[in-house]
Amino acid sequence: MRRLILFDIDGTLVRGGPAKDAFETAMIATYGTVGDVGAVSFGGKTDPQIARELLTSVGFDRQSIEAGFPELWVRYVGRLEELLEDRPMKVLPGVEELLDALAELEDVGIGLLTGNILRGAELKLRSAGLWEWFAVGSFGSDREERDELPSVALERARLHWSVRIEPAEAIVVGDTPRDVGCGRAGGTRTVAVATGTFPAAALVEAGADHVLPDLSSTRDVVALLTA
């Protein structure tokens, strides 16, 4: 394999959907509060990290947070699955065409690197018709710190394809400075797209190797990702 391409989900492949509503419902049912939403930035963080920071902001201790996590995630994915029936994720411009083109390349592997917990990622991408494209992935349910996710994805790729993939042979594609940061921490190349909440200038400042307005220019994006 010559290249492993690892995609973020929200703001990179899809947008919209009911995840925030499902998460808030699950937080209230589990802990009695959502926490101080205004004090916590969500962009590019893992689901467990977001929950922990929200709960810490209103005085929960580590033990109480940890004790509630199993029930929180069961409630979250259950509610998410219900709400996605009427409010599926919307695929961003060029994504389907890009995945089609990459899937035709024998020396390219397609995977995920996302802060979503595994089941949440699957539900979101299935609602958009994208889940089957991805052979491997690393998720917020694997590691709470996003910077640790590239190594998880590389190991899973090695096991899946029976070939060692070096960090320099991988590319993280995302829409936030934290996506860029985790790729850099993991030794991969980084491609950032300004399709989320961060402008191109912020992605350049974060140190992305390349910044694109979106993924709609299929031929150019494929050439960039496989160079």
Protein backbone atom coordinates (compact mmCIF):
# COMPACT_ATOMS: atom_id res chain seq x y z
CA MET A 1 0.00 0.00 0.00
CA ARG A 2 1.32 3.41 -0.97
CA ARG A 3 -1.09 5.65 0.93
CA LEU A 4 -3.58 5.46 3.82
CA ILE A 5 -6.13 8.28 3.88
CA LEU A 6 -7.90 8.89 7.19
CA PHE A 7 -11.02 11.04 7.14
CA ASP A 8 -12.67 12.96 9.94
CA ILE A 9 -16.49 12.78 9.86
CA ASP A 10 -18.38 15.87 11.04
CA GLY A 11 -17.63 18.92 8.93
CA THR A 12 -15.39 16.90 6.61
CA LEU A 13 -17.61 14.17 5.13
CA VAL A 14 -21.04 15.14 6.44
CA ARG A 15 -22.88 17.91 8.26
CA GLY A 16 -26.11 18.46 10.15
CA GLY A 17 -27.97 15.67 11.88
CA PRO A 18 -29.31 15.26 15.42
CA ALA A 19 -26.15 14.30 17.31
CA LYS A 20 -26.20 17.37 19.57
CA ASP A 21 -29.81 16.76 20.58
CA ALA A 22 -29.12 13.06 21.21
CA PHE A 23 -26.04 13.91 23.27
CA GLU A 24 -27.82 16.49 25.41
CA THR A 25 -30.72 14.12 26.07
CA ALA A 26 -28.30 11.39 27.14
CA MET A 27 -26.30 13.75 29.36
CA ILE A 28 -29.39 14.94 31.21
CA ALA A 29 -30.72 11.40 31.63
CA THR A 30 -27.37 10.19 32.98
CA TYR A 31 -25.99 13.11 34.97
CA GLY A 32 -28.92 15.49 35.34
CA THR A 33 -27.14 18.24 33.40
CA VAL A 34 -25.51 19.02 30.07
CA GLY A 35 -22.85 21.08 31.81
CA ASP A 36 -21.70 24.57 30.92
CA VAL A 37 -22.00 24.41 27.13
CA GLY A 38 -20.80 27.99 26.73
CA ALA A 39 -17.52 27.21 28.47
CA VAL A 40 -16.49 24.24 26.31
CA SER A 41 -15.39 24.19 22.67
CA PHE A 42 -16.53 21.04 20.82
CA GLY A 43 -14.62 21.31 17.53
CA GLY A 44 -12.22 18.46 16.85
CA LYS A 45 -12.51 16.85 20.29
CA THR A 46 -13.49 13.27 21.07
CA ASP A 47 -16.94 12.52 22.44
CA PRO A 48 -15.56 11.40 25.83
CA GLN A 49 -13.38 14.50 26.06
CA ILE A 50 -16.37 16.76 25.38
CA ALA A 51 -18.51 15.02 27.98
CA ARG A 52 -15.73 15.12 30.57
CA GLU A 53 -15.03 18.81 30.05
CA LEU A 54 -18.74 19.70 30.23
CA LEU A 55 -19.19 17.80 33.46
CA THR A 56 -15.97 19.08 35.01
CA SER A 57 -17.14 22.62 34.26
CA VAL A 58 -20.06 22.16 36.67
CA GLY A 59 -18.17 20.39 39.41
CA PHE A 60 -18.32 16.66 38.68
CA ASP A 61 -15.29 14.68 39.83
CA ARG A 62 -13.45 12.09 37.75
CA GLN A 63 -14.95 9.11 39.53
CA SER A 64 -18.53 10.29 39.03
CA ILE A 65 -17.89 11.02 35.37
CA GLU A 66 -16.31 7.64 34.72
CA ALA A 67 -19.11 5.82 36.54
CA GLY A 68 -21.71 7.33 34.23
CA PHE A 69 -19.91 6.85 30.91
CA PRO A 70 -21.20 3.34 30.07
CA GLU A 71 -24.83 4.40 30.48
CA LEU A 72 -24.22 7.73 28.75
CA TRP A 73 -23.00 6.13 25.54
CA VAL A 74 -25.79 3.54 25.51
CA ARG A 75 -28.36 6.31 25.84
CA TYR A 76 -26.61 8.52 23.30
CA VAL A 77 -26.41 5.98 20.48
CA GLY A 78 -29.93 4.77 21.17
CA ARG A 79 -31.36 8.25 20.86
CA LEU A 80 -29.10 9.08 17.91
CA GLU A 81 -30.36 6.05 16.00
CA GLU A 82 -33.96 7.10 16.62
CA LEU A 83 -33.47 10.70 15.52
CA LEU A 84 -31.40 9.87 12.42
CA GLU A 85 -34.42 8.17 10.86
CA ASP A 86 -35.97 11.60 10.23
CA ARG A 87 -32.83 13.73 10.30
CA PRO A 88 -30.06 11.90 8.43
CA MET A 89 -26.61 13.41 7.97
CA LYS A 90 -26.07 15.37 4.77
CA VAL A 91 -23.09 14.50 2.58
CA LEU A 92 -20.80 17.42 1.82
CA PRO A 93 -19.95 18.41 -1.78
CA GLY A 94 -17.66 16.05 -3.66
CA VAL A 95 -17.40 13.43 -0.92
CA GLU A 96 -19.15 10.57 -2.71
CA GLU A 97 -17.27 11.21 -5.94
CA LEU A 98 -13.96 11.36 -4.09
CA LEU A 99 -14.57 8.10 -2.21
CA ASP A 100 -15.58 6.44 -5.49
CA ALA A 101 -12.36 7.55 -7.14
CA LEU A 102 -10.14 6.53 -4.21
CA ALA A 103 -11.78 3.11 -3.96
CA GLU A 104 -10.65 2.34 -7.51
CA LEU A 105 -6.98 2.73 -6.56
CA GLU A 106 -5.43 -0.56 -5.50
CA ASP A 107 -2.57 1.03 -3.56
CA VAL A 108 -4.74 3.36 -1.48
CA GLY A 109 -6.56 2.48 1.75
CA ILE A 110 -9.51 4.52 3.04
CA GLY A 111 -10.15 4.85 6.76
CA LEU A 112 -11.58 7.05 9.48
CA LEU A 113 -10.00 9.10 12.23
CA THR A 114 -12.75 10.71 14.29
CA GLY A 115 -13.64 11.87 17.75
CA ASN A 116 -16.97 10.10 17.46
CA ILE A 117 -17.36 6.90 19.44
CA LEU A 118 -17.47 3.90 17.10
CA ARG A 119 -21.22 3.25 17.14
CA GLY A 120 -21.98 6.96 16.77
CA ALA A 121 -19.67 7.16 13.75
CA GLU A 122 -21.32 4.13 12.18
CA LEU A 123 -24.85 5.45 12.70
CA LYS A 124 -23.99 8.85 11.26
CA LEU A 125 -22.26 7.47 8.17
CA ARG A 126 -24.88 4.77 7.55
CA SER A 127 -27.56 7.47 7.55
CA ALA A 128 -25.61 9.22 4.79
CA GLY A 129 -24.85 6.02 2.85
CA LEU A 130 -21.10 6.27 3.45
CA TRP A 131 -20.22 3.68 6.10
CA GLU A 132 -19.28 0.86 3.73
CA TRP A 133 -16.44 2.85 2.18
CA PHE A 134 -14.21 2.60 5.25
CA ALA A 135 -12.22 -0.53 5.97
CA VAL A 136 -10.54 0.67 9.17
CA GLY A 137 -10.76 3.50 11.64
CA SER A 138 -9.86 4.96 14.99
CA PHE A 139 -12.52 6.52 17.21
CA GLY A 140 -13.16 8.50 20.35
CA SER A 141 -14.09 5.24 22.03
CA ASP A 142 -10.51 4.04 21.43
CA ARG A 143 -8.69 6.98 22.98
CA GLU A 144 -9.98 10.11 24.69
CA GLU A 145 -7.01 12.15 23.45
CA ARG A 146 -7.29 12.72 19.72
CA ASP A 147 -3.52 12.90 19.25
CA GLU A 148 -3.33 9.19 20.11
CA LEU A 149 -5.73 8.15 17.34
CA PRO A 150 -3.33 8.11 14.34
CA SER A 151 -1.28 5.27 15.85
CA VAL A 152 -4.48 3.28 16.49
CA ALA A 153 -5.56 3.70 12.87
CA LEU A 154 -2.14 2.70 11.54
CA GLU A 155 -2.10 -0.46 13.63
CA ARG A 156 -5.58 -1.44 12.47
CA ALA A 157 -4.55 -0.81 8.88
CA ARG A 158 -1.54 -3.09 9.37
CA LEU A 159 -3.75 -5.86 10.70
CA HIS A 160 -6.39 -5.41 7.99
CA TRP A 161 -4.09 -5.26 4.98
CA SER A 162 -1.18 -7.26 6.42
CA VAL A 163 1.29 -4.54 5.55
CA ARG A 164 3.17 -2.06 7.71
CA ILE A 165 2.18 1.53 7.02
CA GLU A 166 4.50 4.27 8.20
CA PRO A 167 3.04 7.54 9.49
CA ALA A 168 4.56 9.40 6.54
CA GLU A 169 2.48 7.20 4.22
CA ALA A 170 -0.77 8.33 5.87
CA ILE A 171 -2.80 11.51 5.48
CA VAL A 172 -5.31 12.92 7.95
CA VAL A 173 -8.14 14.85 6.29
CA GLY A 174 -10.19 17.07 8.58
CA ASP A 175 -11.82 20.44 9.08
CA THR A 176 -10.50 21.70 12.43
CA PRO A 177 -7.14 22.75 13.85
CA ARG A 178 -7.33 19.73 16.17
CA ASP A 179 -7.57 17.41 13.15
CA VAL A 180 -4.42 19.03 11.83
CA GLY A 181 -2.76 18.86 15.22
CA CYS A 182 -3.43 15.16 15.71
CA GLY A 183 -2.06 14.36 12.27
CA ARG A 184 1.08 16.33 12.99
CA ALA A 185 1.42 14.65 16.39
CA GLY A 186 1.11 11.27 14.70
CA GLY A 187 3.66 12.07 12.00
CA THR A 188 1.19 12.04 9.09
CA ARG A 189 0.59 14.56 6.36
CA THR A 190 -2.49 16.73 6.82
CA VAL A 191 -5.11 18.07 4.44
CA ALA A 192 -7.66 20.49 5.89
CA VAL A 193 -10.97 21.49 4.31
CA ALA A 194 -12.81 24.68 5.17
CA THR A 195 -16.21 22.97 5.20
CA GLY A 196 -16.71 23.07 8.96
CA THR A 197 -16.75 25.99 11.36
CA PHE A 198 -13.11 27.06 10.91
CA PRO A 199 -12.00 29.36 8.07
CA ALA A 200 -9.13 28.48 5.80
CA ALA A 201 -6.85 30.98 7.56
CA ALA A 202 -7.22 29.15 10.88
CA LEU A 203 -6.36 25.85 9.22
CA VAL A 204 -3.28 27.35 7.59
CA GLU A 205 -2.22 28.78 10.94
CA ALA A 206 -2.66 25.32 12.52
CA GLY A 207 0.03 24.02 10.17
CA ALA A 208 -1.94 21.97 7.64
CA ASP A 209 0.17 20.80 4.72
CA HIS A 210 -2.65 21.71 2.35
CA VAL A 211 -5.91 23.63 2.81
CA LEU A 212 -8.84 23.21 0.42
CA PRO A 213 -12.18 25.04 0.24
CA ASP A 214 -13.95 21.66 -0.04
CA LEU A 215 -13.55 18.22 -1.64
CA SER A 216 -15.52 18.89 -4.81
CA SER A 217 -12.64 18.97 -7.34
CA THR A 218 -12.30 15.19 -7.47
CA ARG A 219 -9.38 14.89 -9.87
CA ASP A 220 -7.30 17.53 -8.08
CA VAL A 221 -8.06 16.15 -4.61
CA VAL A 222 -7.17 12.60 -5.64
CA ALA A 223 -3.90 13.83 -7.11
CA LEU A 224 -3.11 15.69 -3.90
CA LEU A 225 -3.96 12.77 -1.63
CA THR A 226 -2.02 10.21 -3.62
CA ALA A 227 1.06 12.27 -4.50
